[in-house]
């Protein structure tokens, strides 16, 4: 445990020392992964799939505000959808505008949540998002989580319906619009997932804010169980065919990631909890103080050993005598 605490302190010092370089590099990597995932999922426009273009766009994101990654991802997505179907691009544009209004109004600082939610869906670990957002975010983070879920299922539906949309006639724009909109509005899996993620995030947030011991651990376990129960109930009600094994293992992975996040962000020692009670002229105060688990990172010290000149001279004389004895 001590070695882990030392590692955490060293990590914090490393980040504070090189924050000027780590921040743009992390933005670059996040933008690069985002664009690669988009191109791999709906890569209809070959110009946007060019790796040189992806690198240039990612480099642009590294020097611009974080929200620019969200805007760029939306523009690249619209470009691919326009190449595939004008009707899909128009529907996606209207949806993105609505989500942007909600996002920039309620949770403009949750860039990571908006970007990582579809990415985690692609990598089959989406249940990490509501638990982690509940631990590190605010109640308004539900907007970002819901937006990420809507974006993923919208693009997944359009990509899965590509063969059907291609069968429509060129002048059947209204039929395409109706087919896409009906498919999105009738996507029960998307709505059940939104309800499960929103409920999980809120429960995790309010439990971890309680003043009980091990509140974060209780919040993680409760959130994972609630997420499983809501999704299973939705599966029974609407027959959305969720993989049960994947659901359970996905929430176990989410709980493990949440515990790692707790160690980095909120690592305290409940065995040394102190409770203080005092008063003034107007109020009584009941204070509970829980100390953090901290340890000083070991610092390397270079110790210089100075040999007295007399000792050096004596050693030189001794070595000279030894040389003469060897020569004899």
Foldseek 3Di string as FASTA:
>chain_A
DVVVQLVLVVVVVVCVVVVVPVQLVVQLVLLLLLLVVLCVQQVQDVVSVPVVNSNVVSNVRSPDDLCVSVVVSLVVNLVSVVSQPVLLSVVSVVLVVVLVVLCVVQPVPVSVLLRVQLVCVVVLQNLLRLLQCLVPHDLSCLSSNLNSLLVNVLSVVCSVCSVVVVPDDPPPSVVVNVVSVVVSVPLLLSVLLSVLSSVLSVQLNVQCPDPDPPSNLVSLVVSLVSSLVSNVVSCVVPVNDDDNVSSNVSSVVSSVVSVVVCVSPPAWDPVPKDWDWDDDPPDIDIDIDIGHDHDDNDDDDDDDDDDDPVVVVVVVVVVVVVVVVVVD
